[in-house]
Amino acid sequence: MFLYPVRGAVDGFLAAARAADVEHIVLLSSPGSYEPREYKTLIGQVHRAMEQSLERSGLPHTVLYPSWLAGNALRDWGEQVRTSERVDLAFPDAQFTPIHPDDIAEVAADLLTRDTHRGRMQILTGPESMRLRDVVTALGEEIGRTLTVGELTPEQALERRESWMPEPVLRALLDTSAAAVGVPTPVNNSVLRITGHRARTFRAWARTHRADFLPDPVPESQPTP
């Protein structure tokens, strides 16, 4: 069974999984559950609560801790790129290790179908540590657009918060970015060990999602009846 953390009690669901003789569970968690600046935040609390519930259930499981998801670029910057060819963000020199979602999926599939790499946890990273401004540059090159980076203060970033992003979560993400400025993030070979191939690059993800960052086509004018 593949699980993703949710807010709220899950003990009943896990009891049903145990009664159904589920052999192994793979939980997609977050390093925020243990990172020094994040584990006390809402991000850390939600992920850690899920891990604790799973531990209490007694079900065999492996927890995945992926690094910065490549898909964050679309979630956080997609609208800006489509409409302005500019990405405004706080702490553009913060360094992260983008990981391709397909690599996470392949690792999870392996753990669900084979017992070779099952353990208490697997920490997954992409192939290189990158500054956010360099991620934006790479994105622009792969989609054929020249993207510029504007720097926001944390206060400005909070003012621009999208309604779907809880303020405590954004504050935690900003604190994490502030701590990551000028600090290369670790890279490991977990994807290679488990899947047999090197971790995909952020550029590979950007090429696949090129169309998602292009401006919406202008509707053709309809002839007057």
N, C-alpha and C. Protein backbone atom coordinates (compact mmCIF):
# COMPACT_ATOMS: atom_id res chain seq x y z
N MET A 1 0.85 -1.18 0.00
CA MET A 1 0.00 0.00 0.00
C MET A 1 0.89 1.24 0.00
N PHE A 2 0.51 2.22 -0.85
CA PHE A 2 1.24 3.48 -0.91
C PHE A 2 0.42 4.54 -0.18
N LEU A 3 1.05 5.28 0.72
CA LEU A 3 0.36 6.28 1.52
C LEU A 3 1.02 7.64 1.40
N TYR A 4 0.18 8.67 1.59
CA TYR A 4 0.67 10.05 1.64
C TYR A 4 0.06 10.69 2.88
N PRO A 5 0.83 11.49 3.63
CA PRO A 5 0.30 12.06 4.88
C PRO A 5 -0.93 12.94 4.66
N VAL A 6 -1.86 12.84 5.58
CA VAL A 6 -3.04 13.71 5.61
C VAL A 6 -3.19 14.24 7.03
N ARG A 7 -3.92 15.31 7.18
CA ARG A 7 -4.19 15.84 8.50
C ARG A 7 -5.40 15.11 9.08
N GLY A 8 -5.27 14.68 10.31
CA GLY A 8 -6.38 13.97 10.93
C GLY A 8 -5.99 12.53 11.27
N ALA A 9 -6.88 11.87 12.00
CA ALA A 9 -6.62 10.51 12.48
C ALA A 9 -6.66 9.50 11.33
N VAL A 10 -5.72 8.58 11.34
CA VAL A 10 -5.66 7.52 10.32
C VAL A 10 -5.60 6.14 10.97
N ASP A 11 -5.71 6.07 12.29
CA ASP A 11 -5.55 4.79 12.97
C ASP A 11 -6.58 3.77 12.52
N GLY A 12 -7.82 4.20 12.28
CA GLY A 12 -8.85 3.27 11.82
C GLY A 12 -8.52 2.69 10.46
N PHE A 13 -8.02 3.55 9.58
CA PHE A 13 -7.64 3.09 8.24
C PHE A 13 -6.51 2.07 8.34
N LEU A 14 -5.51 2.37 9.16
CA LEU A 14 -4.37 1.46 9.29
C LEU A 14 -4.79 0.16 9.95
N ALA A 15 -5.75 0.22 10.88
CA ALA A 15 -6.26 -1.02 11.49
C ALA A 15 -6.93 -1.89 10.43
N ALA A 16 -7.65 -1.26 9.51
CA ALA A 16 -8.29 -2.01 8.42
C ALA A 16 -7.23 -2.62 7.51
N ALA A 17 -6.14 -1.88 7.27
CA ALA A 17 -5.06 -2.41 6.44
C ALA A 17 -4.42 -3.63 7.11
N ARG A 18 -4.26 -3.54 8.41
CA ARG A 18 -3.68 -4.68 9.15
C ARG A 18 -4.61 -5.88 9.09
N ALA A 19 -5.92 -5.64 9.23
CA ALA A 19 -6.88 -6.74 9.18
C ALA A 19 -6.92 -7.37 7.79
N ALA A 20 -6.59 -6.58 6.78
CA ALA A 20 -6.59 -7.10 5.40
C ALA A 20 -5.26 -7.75 5.03
N ASP A 21 -4.37 -7.88 6.00
CA ASP A 21 -3.07 -8.52 5.79
C ASP A 21 -2.22 -7.80 4.75
N VAL A 22 -2.24 -6.46 4.78
CA VAL A 22 -1.35 -5.70 3.91
C VAL A 22 0.09 -6.08 4.24
N GLU A 23 0.84 -6.42 3.20
CA GLU A 23 2.20 -6.95 3.40
C GLU A 23 3.20 -5.86 3.73
N HIS A 24 3.12 -4.73 3.03
CA HIS A 24 4.12 -3.67 3.23
C HIS A 24 3.51 -2.34 2.82
N ILE A 25 3.88 -1.29 3.54
CA ILE A 25 3.40 0.06 3.24
C ILE A 25 4.59 0.94 2.91
N VAL A 26 4.43 1.76 1.86
CA VAL A 26 5.41 2.79 1.52
C VAL A 26 4.74 4.13 1.78
N LEU A 27 5.35 4.91 2.66
CA LEU A 27 4.82 6.23 3.02
C LEU A 27 5.70 7.31 2.40
N LEU A 28 5.10 8.19 1.62
CA LEU A 28 5.83 9.34 1.08
C LEU A 28 5.75 10.46 2.11
N SER A 29 6.84 10.68 2.82
CA SER A 29 6.86 11.70 3.86
C SER A 29 7.69 12.89 3.39
N SER A 30 8.31 13.59 4.30
CA SER A 30 9.10 14.78 3.98
C SER A 30 10.24 14.92 4.96
N PRO A 31 11.41 15.38 4.50
CA PRO A 31 12.50 15.67 5.44
C PRO A 31 12.09 16.69 6.50
N GLY A 32 10.98 17.42 6.22
CA GLY A 32 10.49 18.37 7.20
C GLY A 32 10.12 17.72 8.53
N SER A 33 9.92 16.41 8.53
CA SER A 33 9.55 15.73 9.78
C SER A 33 10.73 15.62 10.73
N TYR A 34 11.96 15.84 10.22
CA TYR A 34 13.12 15.75 11.11
C TYR A 34 14.12 16.90 10.95
N GLU A 35 14.00 17.72 9.90
CA GLU A 35 14.95 18.81 9.71
C GLU A 35 14.85 19.81 10.85
N PRO A 36 15.99 20.36 11.31
CA PRO A 36 15.98 21.24 12.48
C PRO A 36 15.00 22.40 12.41
N ARG A 37 14.89 23.06 11.26
CA ARG A 37 14.03 24.24 11.17
C ARG A 37 12.58 23.91 10.84
N GLU A 38 12.32 22.68 10.50
CA GLU A 38 10.98 22.34 10.03
C GLU A 38 10.19 21.41 10.94
N TYR A 39 10.87 20.63 11.76
CA TYR A 39 10.15 19.54 12.42
C TYR A 39 9.11 20.03 13.42
N LYS A 40 9.25 21.28 13.91
CA LYS A 40 8.25 21.83 14.83
C LYS A 40 7.14 22.59 14.10
N THR A 41 7.29 22.80 12.81
CA THR A 41 6.30 23.55 12.04
C THR A 41 5.13 22.65 11.67
N LEU A 42 4.11 23.26 11.04
CA LEU A 42 2.95 22.47 10.60
C LEU A 42 3.38 21.38 9.63
N ILE A 43 4.32 21.69 8.74
CA ILE A 43 4.80 20.69 7.79
C ILE A 43 5.37 19.48 8.54
N GLY A 44 6.25 19.75 9.47
CA GLY A 44 6.87 18.67 10.23
C GLY A 44 5.86 17.90 11.07
N GLN A 45 4.94 18.61 11.69
CA GLN A 45 3.98 17.97 12.57
C GLN A 45 3.06 17.01 11.81
N VAL A 46 2.58 17.44 10.65
CA VAL A 46 1.68 16.59 9.87
C VAL A 46 2.38 15.32 9.41
N HIS A 47 3.59 15.47 8.88
CA HIS A 47 4.30 14.29 8.38
C HIS A 47 4.73 13.37 9.52
N ARG A 48 5.18 13.97 10.62
CA ARG A 48 5.63 13.14 11.74
C ARG A 48 4.46 12.41 12.38
N ALA A 49 3.30 13.05 12.46
CA ALA A 49 2.13 12.38 13.03
C ALA A 49 1.75 11.15 12.23
N MET A 50 1.84 11.25 10.90
CA MET A 50 1.53 10.11 10.05
C MET A 50 2.54 8.99 10.28
N GLU A 51 3.80 9.35 10.38
CA GLU A 51 4.83 8.35 10.63
C GLU A 51 4.60 7.65 11.97
N GLN A 52 4.23 8.42 12.98
CA GLN A 52 4.00 7.84 14.31
C GLN A 52 2.80 6.90 14.31
N SER A 53 1.75 7.30 13.57
CA SER A 53 0.57 6.42 13.47
C SER A 53 0.94 5.10 12.80
N LEU A 54 1.76 5.20 11.76
CA LEU A 54 2.17 4.00 11.05
C LEU A 54 3.04 3.11 11.94
N GLU A 55 3.89 3.73 12.73
CA GLU A 55 4.73 2.97 13.66
C GLU A 55 3.86 2.25 14.69
N ARG A 56 2.87 2.93 15.21
CA ARG A 56 1.98 2.32 16.21
C ARG A 56 1.18 1.17 15.63
N SER A 57 0.90 1.22 14.34
CA SER A 57 0.07 0.18 13.73
C SER A 57 0.75 -1.18 13.71
N GLY A 58 2.08 -1.16 13.76
CA GLY A 58 2.80 -2.42 13.68
C GLY A 58 2.95 -2.97 12.29
N LEU A 59 2.44 -2.26 11.28
CA LEU A 59 2.54 -2.73 9.90
C LEU A 59 3.96 -2.54 9.38
N PRO A 60 4.47 -3.50 8.62
CA PRO A 60 5.79 -3.31 8.00
C PRO A 60 5.74 -2.14 7.03
N HIS A 61 6.74 -1.27 7.08
CA HIS A 61 6.68 -0.08 6.23
C HIS A 61 8.07 0.49 5.98
N THR A 62 8.14 1.28 4.91
CA THR A 62 9.33 2.07 4.60
C THR A 62 8.88 3.50 4.34
N VAL A 63 9.59 4.45 4.94
CA VAL A 63 9.27 5.86 4.76
C VAL A 63 10.22 6.47 3.75
N LEU A 64 9.66 7.16 2.76
CA LEU A 64 10.47 7.85 1.76
C LEU A 64 10.60 9.32 2.12
N TYR A 65 11.83 9.83 2.06
CA TYR A 65 12.09 11.24 2.30
C TYR A 65 12.72 11.84 1.04
N PRO A 66 11.91 12.35 0.12
CA PRO A 66 12.47 12.93 -1.11
C PRO A 66 12.92 14.37 -0.88
N SER A 67 13.88 14.79 -1.66
CA SER A 67 14.34 16.18 -1.61
C SER A 67 13.34 17.07 -2.35
N TRP A 68 13.73 18.29 -2.66
CA TRP A 68 12.86 19.30 -3.27
C TRP A 68 12.25 18.74 -4.55
N LEU A 69 10.92 18.70 -4.62
CA LEU A 69 10.23 18.10 -5.76
C LEU A 69 10.31 19.00 -6.98
N ALA A 70 10.70 18.44 -8.11
CA ALA A 70 10.79 19.24 -9.34
C ALA A 70 9.44 19.87 -9.66
N GLY A 71 8.37 19.19 -9.33
CA GLY A 71 7.04 19.72 -9.60
C GLY A 71 6.71 20.99 -8.83
N ASN A 72 7.49 21.31 -7.80
CA ASN A 72 7.29 22.57 -7.09
C ASN A 72 7.41 23.76 -8.04
N ALA A 73 8.22 23.60 -9.07
CA ALA A 73 8.42 24.70 -10.02
C ALA A 73 7.11 25.05 -10.72
N LEU A 74 6.33 24.05 -11.06
CA LEU A 74 5.05 24.30 -11.71
C LEU A 74 4.03 24.84 -10.71
N ARG A 75 3.99 24.24 -9.55
CA ARG A 75 3.05 24.69 -8.52
C ARG A 75 3.29 26.15 -8.12
N ASP A 76 4.56 26.50 -7.91
CA ASP A 76 4.89 27.81 -7.36
C ASP A 76 5.13 28.89 -8.41
N TRP A 77 5.63 28.50 -9.59
CA TRP A 77 6.05 29.50 -10.57
C TRP A 77 5.28 29.45 -11.88
N GLY A 78 4.44 28.45 -12.07
CA GLY A 78 3.81 28.25 -13.37
C GLY A 78 3.09 29.48 -13.90
N GLU A 79 2.26 30.10 -13.08
CA GLU A 79 1.48 31.25 -13.53
C GLU A 79 2.38 32.43 -13.87
N GLN A 80 3.41 32.65 -13.07
CA GLN A 80 4.34 33.75 -13.36
C GLN A 80 5.05 33.54 -14.69
N VAL A 81 5.50 32.33 -14.94
CA VAL A 81 6.23 32.04 -16.17
C VAL A 81 5.31 32.20 -17.37
N ARG A 82 4.09 31.70 -17.28
CA ARG A 82 3.17 31.78 -18.41
C ARG A 82 2.80 33.21 -18.76
N THR A 83 2.71 34.09 -17.75
CA THR A 83 2.18 35.43 -18.00
C THR A 83 3.23 36.53 -18.06
N SER A 84 4.42 36.29 -17.50
CA SER A 84 5.37 37.40 -17.42
C SER A 84 6.81 37.05 -17.75
N GLU A 85 7.12 35.77 -17.89
CA GLU A 85 8.50 35.32 -18.10
C GLU A 85 9.41 35.81 -16.98
N ARG A 86 8.86 35.93 -15.79
CA ARG A 86 9.59 36.40 -14.62
C ARG A 86 9.17 35.55 -13.44
N VAL A 87 10.14 35.24 -12.58
CA VAL A 87 9.83 34.49 -11.36
C VAL A 87 10.31 35.32 -10.17
N ASP A 88 9.38 35.76 -9.36
CA ASP A 88 9.70 36.49 -8.14
C ASP A 88 9.68 35.52 -6.97
N LEU A 89 10.77 35.48 -6.22
CA LEU A 89 10.83 34.56 -5.10
C LEU A 89 11.76 35.10 -4.03
N ALA A 90 11.53 34.68 -2.83
CA ALA A 90 12.41 35.03 -1.73
C ALA A 90 13.59 34.06 -1.70
N PHE A 91 14.74 34.56 -1.33
CA PHE A 91 15.94 33.75 -1.16
C PHE A 91 16.31 32.95 -2.42
N PRO A 92 16.52 33.62 -3.56
CA PRO A 92 16.83 32.90 -4.80
C PRO A 92 18.16 32.15 -4.75
N ASP A 93 19.01 32.45 -3.78
CA ASP A 93 20.29 31.74 -3.68
C ASP A 93 20.22 30.55 -2.72
N ALA A 94 19.03 30.25 -2.24
CA ALA A 94 18.86 29.02 -1.46
C ALA A 94 19.12 27.82 -2.35
N GLN A 95 19.76 26.80 -1.79
CA GLN A 95 20.12 25.63 -2.59
C GLN A 95 19.29 24.41 -2.17
N PHE A 96 18.80 23.73 -3.20
CA PHE A 96 18.03 22.51 -3.00
C PHE A 96 18.49 21.46 -4.02
N THR A 97 17.97 20.26 -3.89
CA THR A 97 18.36 19.16 -4.78
C THR A 97 17.11 18.64 -5.47
N PRO A 98 16.72 19.23 -6.60
CA PRO A 98 15.46 18.83 -7.24
C PRO A 98 15.45 17.35 -7.61
N ILE A 99 14.34 16.69 -7.30
CA ILE A 99 14.20 15.28 -7.65
C ILE A 99 13.00 15.12 -8.57
N HIS A 100 13.17 14.29 -9.56
CA HIS A 100 12.12 14.03 -10.56
C HIS A 100 11.06 13.12 -9.93
N PRO A 101 9.77 13.48 -10.02
CA PRO A 101 8.72 12.63 -9.45
C PRO A 101 8.73 11.20 -9.97
N ASP A 102 9.16 11.00 -11.22
CA ASP A 102 9.20 9.63 -11.76
C ASP A 102 10.19 8.76 -10.99
N ASP A 103 11.27 9.37 -10.51
CA ASP A 103 12.23 8.60 -9.72
C ASP A 103 11.62 8.17 -8.39
N ILE A 104 10.86 9.06 -7.77
CA ILE A 104 10.18 8.70 -6.53
C ILE A 104 9.20 7.56 -6.79
N ALA A 105 8.46 7.67 -7.88
CA ALA A 105 7.47 6.64 -8.21
C ALA A 105 8.13 5.29 -8.45
N GLU A 106 9.26 5.29 -9.15
CA GLU A 106 9.94 4.02 -9.42
C GLU A 106 10.48 3.40 -8.14
N VAL A 107 11.01 4.23 -7.25
CA VAL A 107 11.49 3.71 -5.97
C VAL A 107 10.32 3.10 -5.19
N ALA A 108 9.21 3.82 -5.13
CA ALA A 108 8.05 3.31 -4.40
C ALA A 108 7.57 1.99 -5.00
N ALA A 109 7.52 1.91 -6.32
CA ALA A 109 7.07 0.69 -6.98
C ALA A 109 7.98 -0.49 -6.64
N ASP A 110 9.28 -0.23 -6.59
CA ASP A 110 10.22 -1.30 -6.25
C ASP A 110 9.97 -1.80 -4.82
N LEU A 111 9.79 -0.85 -3.90
CA LEU A 111 9.59 -1.23 -2.50
C LEU A 111 8.27 -1.97 -2.30
N LEU A 112 7.29 -1.64 -3.12
CA LEU A 112 5.99 -2.30 -3.00
C LEU A 112 5.98 -3.71 -3.60
N THR A 113 6.90 -3.98 -4.51
CA THR A 113 6.85 -5.25 -5.23
C THR A 113 8.03 -6.17 -4.92
N ARG A 114 9.07 -5.63 -4.29
CA ARG A 114 10.24 -6.45 -3.93
C ARG A 114 10.68 -6.08 -2.53
N ASP A 115 11.33 -7.02 -1.84
CA ASP A 115 11.78 -6.73 -0.48
C ASP A 115 13.26 -6.38 -0.40
N THR A 116 13.92 -6.25 -1.56
CA THR A 116 15.37 -6.03 -1.59
C THR A 116 15.80 -4.80 -0.82
N HIS A 117 15.10 -3.69 -0.99
CA HIS A 117 15.52 -2.42 -0.40
C HIS A 117 14.59 -1.92 0.68
N ARG A 118 13.73 -2.78 1.15
CA ARG A 118 12.84 -2.36 2.23
C ARG A 118 13.62 -2.14 3.51
N GLY A 119 13.28 -1.09 4.20
CA GLY A 119 13.91 -0.77 5.47
C GLY A 119 13.05 0.26 6.17
N ARG A 120 13.56 0.85 7.23
CA ARG A 120 12.77 1.83 7.95
C ARG A 120 12.56 3.09 7.14
N MET A 121 13.59 3.47 6.35
CA MET A 121 13.45 4.69 5.54
C MET A 121 14.41 4.67 4.38
N GLN A 122 14.12 5.49 3.39
CA GLN A 122 15.00 5.74 2.26
C GLN A 122 14.99 7.25 1.99
N ILE A 123 16.16 7.87 2.02
CA ILE A 123 16.29 9.29 1.69
C ILE A 123 16.66 9.39 0.22
N LEU A 124 15.86 10.14 -0.54
CA LEU A 124 16.03 10.23 -1.99
C LEU A 124 16.40 11.65 -2.39
N THR A 125 17.37 11.78 -3.29
CA THR A 125 17.73 13.11 -3.79
C THR A 125 17.85 13.08 -5.31
N GLY A 126 17.81 14.28 -5.89
CA GLY A 126 18.14 14.43 -7.29
C GLY A 126 19.64 14.36 -7.47
N PRO A 127 20.13 14.61 -8.70
CA PRO A 127 21.55 14.42 -8.99
C PRO A 127 22.46 15.60 -8.66
N GLU A 128 21.88 16.80 -8.35
CA GLU A 128 22.75 17.94 -8.07
C GLU A 128 22.06 18.98 -7.20
N SER A 129 22.89 19.67 -6.42
CA SER A 129 22.42 20.78 -5.62
C SER A 129 22.38 22.02 -6.50
N MET A 130 21.26 22.74 -6.48
CA MET A 130 21.09 23.90 -7.36
C MET A 130 20.52 25.08 -6.57
N ARG A 131 21.00 26.28 -6.88
CA ARG A 131 20.34 27.48 -6.35
C ARG A 131 18.99 27.64 -7.04
N LEU A 132 18.03 28.20 -6.35
CA LEU A 132 16.73 28.39 -6.97
C LEU A 132 16.83 29.23 -8.23
N ARG A 133 17.70 30.25 -8.24
CA ARG A 133 17.83 31.07 -9.43
C ARG A 133 18.38 30.26 -10.61
N ASP A 134 19.20 29.26 -10.31
CA ASP A 134 19.72 28.40 -11.38
C ASP A 134 18.66 27.42 -11.86
N VAL A 135 17.77 27.03 -10.97
CA VAL A 135 16.64 26.19 -11.38
C VAL A 135 15.75 26.97 -12.35
N VAL A 136 15.52 28.26 -12.05
CA VAL A 136 14.72 29.09 -12.94
C VAL A 136 15.40 29.23 -14.30
N THR A 137 16.73 29.45 -14.30
CA THR A 137 17.47 29.57 -15.56
C THR A 137 17.36 28.29 -16.38
N ALA A 138 17.55 27.14 -15.72
CA ALA A 138 17.45 25.86 -16.42
C ALA A 138 16.06 25.65 -16.98
N LEU A 139 15.05 26.04 -16.22
CA LEU A 139 13.67 25.92 -16.70
C LEU A 139 13.48 26.74 -17.96
N GLY A 140 13.96 27.99 -17.95
CA GLY A 140 13.81 28.85 -19.12
C GLY A 140 14.49 28.27 -20.35
N GLU A 141 15.69 27.74 -20.16
CA GLU A 141 16.43 27.18 -21.30
C GLU A 141 15.71 25.97 -21.88
N GLU A 142 15.12 25.17 -21.03
CA GLU A 142 14.47 23.95 -21.52
C GLU A 142 13.13 24.23 -22.19
N ILE A 143 12.46 25.32 -21.80
CA ILE A 143 11.17 25.61 -22.42
C ILE A 143 11.31 26.67 -23.51
N GLY A 144 12.54 27.15 -23.76
CA GLY A 144 12.77 28.09 -24.83
C GLY A 144 12.34 29.51 -24.53
N ARG A 145 12.44 29.92 -23.26
CA ARG A 145 12.04 31.26 -22.87
C ARG A 145 13.12 31.85 -21.96
N THR A 146 13.34 33.15 -22.05
CA THR A 146 14.31 33.82 -21.19
C THR A 146 13.60 34.29 -19.93
N LEU A 147 13.90 33.65 -18.82
CA LEU A 147 13.24 33.96 -17.57
C LEU A 147 14.15 34.81 -16.69
N THR A 148 13.60 35.82 -16.09
CA THR A 148 14.34 36.64 -15.14
C THR A 148 13.87 36.33 -13.73
N VAL A 149 14.74 36.62 -12.77
CA VAL A 149 14.43 36.35 -11.36
C VAL A 149 14.34 37.68 -10.62
N GLY A 150 13.25 37.87 -9.92
CA GLY A 150 13.09 39.01 -9.03
C GLY A 150 13.15 38.54 -7.60
N GLU A 151 13.79 39.31 -6.73
CA GLU A 151 13.95 38.88 -5.34
C GLU A 151 12.92 39.58 -4.46
N LEU A 152 12.21 38.78 -3.67
CA LEU A 152 11.21 39.29 -2.74
C LEU A 152 11.76 39.24 -1.32
N THR A 153 11.30 40.15 -0.49
CA THR A 153 11.55 40.01 0.93
C THR A 153 10.58 38.97 1.47
N PRO A 154 10.86 38.38 2.63
CA PRO A 154 9.90 37.44 3.20
C PRO A 154 8.52 38.06 3.39
N GLU A 155 8.48 39.33 3.77
CA GLU A 155 7.19 40.01 3.96
C GLU A 155 6.43 40.11 2.64
N GLN A 156 7.14 40.43 1.56
CA GLN A 156 6.48 40.51 0.26
C GLN A 156 5.98 39.14 -0.18
N ALA A 157 6.77 38.10 0.09
CA ALA A 157 6.33 36.74 -0.26
C ALA A 157 5.05 36.37 0.50
N LEU A 158 4.98 36.76 1.77
CA LEU A 158 3.78 36.47 2.55
C LEU A 158 2.58 37.25 2.03
N GLU A 159 2.80 38.49 1.58
CA GLU A 159 1.72 39.29 1.03
C GLU A 159 1.16 38.67 -0.24
N ARG A 160 2.01 37.98 -1.00
CA ARG A 160 1.58 37.37 -2.25
C ARG A 160 1.09 35.94 -2.07
N ARG A 161 0.97 35.50 -0.84
CA ARG A 161 0.58 34.11 -0.57
C ARG A 161 -0.72 33.75 -1.26
N GLU A 162 -0.70 32.60 -1.95
CA GLU A 162 -1.91 32.09 -2.58
C GLU A 162 -2.87 31.56 -1.52
N SER A 163 -4.14 31.61 -1.79
CA SER A 163 -5.15 31.21 -0.79
C SER A 163 -5.03 29.74 -0.40
N TRP A 164 -4.52 28.91 -1.33
CA TRP A 164 -4.43 27.48 -1.03
C TRP A 164 -3.22 27.15 -0.14
N MET A 165 -2.33 28.12 0.05
CA MET A 165 -1.12 27.90 0.84
C MET A 165 -1.33 28.43 2.26
N PRO A 166 -1.44 27.57 3.26
CA PRO A 166 -1.60 28.05 4.64
C PRO A 166 -0.40 28.92 5.05
N GLU A 167 -0.68 30.00 5.74
CA GLU A 167 0.40 30.91 6.13
C GLU A 167 1.48 30.22 6.96
N PRO A 168 1.13 29.35 7.92
CA PRO A 168 2.20 28.68 8.68
C PRO A 168 3.12 27.84 7.80
N VAL A 169 2.55 27.24 6.76
CA VAL A 169 3.35 26.43 5.85
C VAL A 169 4.31 27.32 5.06
N LEU A 170 3.81 28.44 4.54
CA LEU A 170 4.67 29.35 3.78
C LEU A 170 5.77 29.91 4.68
N ARG A 171 5.44 30.26 5.90
CA ARG A 171 6.47 30.77 6.81
C ARG A 171 7.56 29.72 7.04
N ALA A 172 7.15 28.48 7.19
CA ALA A 172 8.12 27.40 7.39
C ALA A 172 9.00 27.24 6.16
N LEU A 173 8.39 27.31 4.96
CA LEU A 173 9.17 27.18 3.72
C LEU A 173 10.15 28.34 3.57
N LEU A 174 9.74 29.53 3.95
CA LEU A 174 10.63 30.69 3.87
C LEU A 174 11.80 30.54 4.84
N ASP A 175 11.52 30.05 6.04
CA ASP A 175 12.60 29.83 7.01
C ASP A 175 13.59 28.79 6.50
N THR A 176 13.05 27.75 5.87
CA THR A 176 13.92 26.71 5.31
C THR A 176 14.80 27.28 4.20
N SER A 177 14.20 28.10 3.33
CA SER A 177 14.96 28.71 2.24
C SER A 177 16.04 29.64 2.78
N ALA A 178 15.70 30.42 3.81
CA ALA A 178 16.68 31.33 4.39
C ALA A 178 17.89 30.56 4.91
N ALA A 179 17.64 29.42 5.53
CA ALA A 179 18.74 28.62 6.07
C ALA A 179 19.56 27.93 4.99
N ALA A 180 18.99 27.82 3.78
CA ALA A 180 19.66 27.10 2.69
C ALA A 180 20.46 28.02 1.77
N VAL A 181 20.47 29.33 2.04
CA VAL A 181 21.22 30.26 1.19
C VAL A 181 22.71 29.97 1.28
N GLY A 182 23.32 29.69 0.14
CA GLY A 182 24.76 29.45 0.09
C GLY A 182 25.21 28.13 0.68
N VAL A 183 24.26 27.24 0.97
CA VAL A 183 24.61 25.96 1.60
C VAL A 183 24.25 24.82 0.65
N PRO A 184 25.24 24.18 0.01
CA PRO A 184 24.92 23.05 -0.88
C PRO A 184 24.21 21.95 -0.11
N THR A 185 23.23 21.33 -0.76
CA THR A 185 22.49 20.25 -0.11
C THR A 185 23.07 18.90 -0.50
N PRO A 186 22.95 17.91 0.38
CA PRO A 186 23.55 16.60 0.10
C PRO A 186 22.92 15.91 -1.10
N VAL A 187 23.74 15.14 -1.80
CA VAL A 187 23.30 14.31 -2.92
C VAL A 187 23.67 12.87 -2.60
N ASN A 188 22.74 11.94 -2.78
CA ASN A 188 23.07 10.53 -2.55
C ASN A 188 22.72 9.69 -3.78
N ASN A 189 23.01 8.42 -3.70
CA ASN A 189 22.80 7.52 -4.85
C ASN A 189 21.64 6.55 -4.63
N SER A 190 20.69 6.91 -3.79
CA SER A 190 19.60 5.99 -3.48
C SER A 190 18.79 5.61 -4.71
N VAL A 191 18.51 6.59 -5.58
CA VAL A 191 17.75 6.28 -6.79
C VAL A 191 18.49 5.25 -7.64
N LEU A 192 19.78 5.44 -7.81
CA LEU A 192 20.59 4.50 -8.59
C LEU A 192 20.60 3.12 -7.95
N ARG A 193 20.79 3.05 -6.64
CA ARG A 193 20.85 1.76 -5.95
C ARG A 193 19.54 0.98 -6.12
N ILE A 194 18.43 1.69 -6.04
CA ILE A 194 17.14 1.00 -6.01
C ILE A 194 16.59 0.75 -7.41
N THR A 195 16.71 1.72 -8.30
CA THR A 195 16.10 1.59 -9.64
C THR A 195 17.07 1.06 -10.69
N GLY A 196 18.38 1.20 -10.44
CA GLY A 196 19.36 0.76 -11.42
C GLY A 196 19.75 1.84 -12.41
N HIS A 197 19.16 3.03 -12.32
CA HIS A 197 19.57 4.12 -13.21
C HIS A 197 19.81 5.38 -12.38
N ARG A 198 20.61 6.28 -12.94
CA ARG A 198 20.91 7.53 -12.23
C ARG A 198 19.65 8.38 -12.10
N ALA A 199 19.64 9.21 -11.08
CA ALA A 199 18.50 10.10 -10.87
C ALA A 199 18.37 11.05 -12.05
N ARG A 200 17.14 11.27 -12.48
CA ARG A 200 16.87 12.19 -13.58
C ARG A 200 17.14 13.63 -13.14
N THR A 201 17.50 14.47 -14.09
CA THR A 201 17.81 15.86 -13.80
C THR A 201 16.53 16.70 -13.77
N PHE A 202 16.66 17.90 -13.20
CA PHE A 202 15.55 18.84 -13.26
C PHE A 202 15.24 19.21 -14.70
N ARG A 203 16.28 19.33 -15.52
CA ARG A 203 16.07 19.68 -16.93
C ARG A 203 15.20 18.63 -17.63
N ALA A 204 15.39 17.36 -17.29
CA ALA A 204 14.57 16.32 -17.91
C ALA A 204 13.11 16.52 -17.54
N TRP A 205 12.86 16.87 -16.29
CA TRP A 205 11.47 17.14 -15.89
C TRP A 205 10.92 18.36 -16.64
N ALA A 206 11.72 19.42 -16.75
CA ALA A 206 11.27 20.64 -17.42
C ALA A 206 10.92 20.38 -18.88
N ARG A 207 11.72 19.56 -19.55
CA ARG A 207 11.43 19.25 -20.95
C ARG A 207 10.08 18.54 -21.08
N THR A 208 9.83 17.63 -20.18
CA THR A 208 8.57 16.89 -20.22
C THR A 208 7.36 17.81 -20.01
N HIS A 209 7.55 18.84 -19.20
CA HIS A 209 6.43 19.71 -18.83
C HIS A 209 6.50 21.07 -19.52
N ARG A 210 7.20 21.12 -20.63
CA ARG A 210 7.36 22.40 -21.35
C ARG A 210 6.03 23.08 -21.62
N ALA A 211 5.06 22.33 -22.11
CA ALA A 211 3.77 22.92 -22.49
C ALA A 211 3.05 23.55 -21.31
N ASP A 212 3.31 23.05 -20.10
CA ASP A 212 2.63 23.59 -18.93
C ASP A 212 3.08 25.01 -18.59
N PHE A 213 4.22 25.42 -19.13
CA PHE A 213 4.76 26.75 -18.83
C PHE A 213 4.58 27.74 -19.96
N LEU A 214 4.00 27.30 -21.05
CA LEU A 214 3.82 28.20 -22.19
C LEU A 214 2.52 28.98 -22.03
N PRO A 215 2.48 30.20 -22.58
CA PRO A 215 1.25 31.01 -22.46
C PRO A 215 0.06 30.29 -23.07
N ASP A 216 -1.10 30.52 -22.48
CA ASP A 216 -2.31 29.95 -23.05
C ASP A 216 -2.54 30.55 -24.43
N PRO A 217 -2.90 29.72 -25.43
CA PRO A 217 -3.12 30.26 -26.77
C PRO A 217 -4.26 31.25 -26.80
N VAL A 218 -4.11 32.28 -27.62
CA VAL A 218 -5.18 33.27 -27.75
C VAL A 218 -6.29 32.66 -28.61
N PRO A 219 -7.51 32.68 -28.11
CA PRO A 219 -8.60 32.07 -28.91
C PRO A 219 -8.77 32.78 -30.26
N GLU A 220 -8.99 31.97 -31.28
CA GLU A 220 -9.22 32.57 -32.60
C GLU A 220 -10.57 33.30 -32.60
N SER A 221 -10.58 34.45 -33.26
CA SER A 221 -11.82 35.20 -33.33
C SER A 221 -12.83 34.44 -34.18
N GLN A 222 -14.07 34.45 -33.73
CA GLN A 222 -15.12 33.74 -34.43
C GLN A 222 -15.78 34.66 -35.45
N PRO A 223 -16.05 34.17 -36.62
CA PRO A 223 -16.72 35.02 -37.61
C PRO A 223 -18.12 35.41 -37.14
N THR A 224 -18.51 36.60 -37.50
CA THR A 224 -19.84 37.08 -37.15
C THR A 224 -20.88 36.33 -37.96
N PRO A 225 -21.90 35.78 -37.30
CA PRO A 225 -22.92 35.01 -38.06
C PRO A 225 -23.61 35.90 -39.08
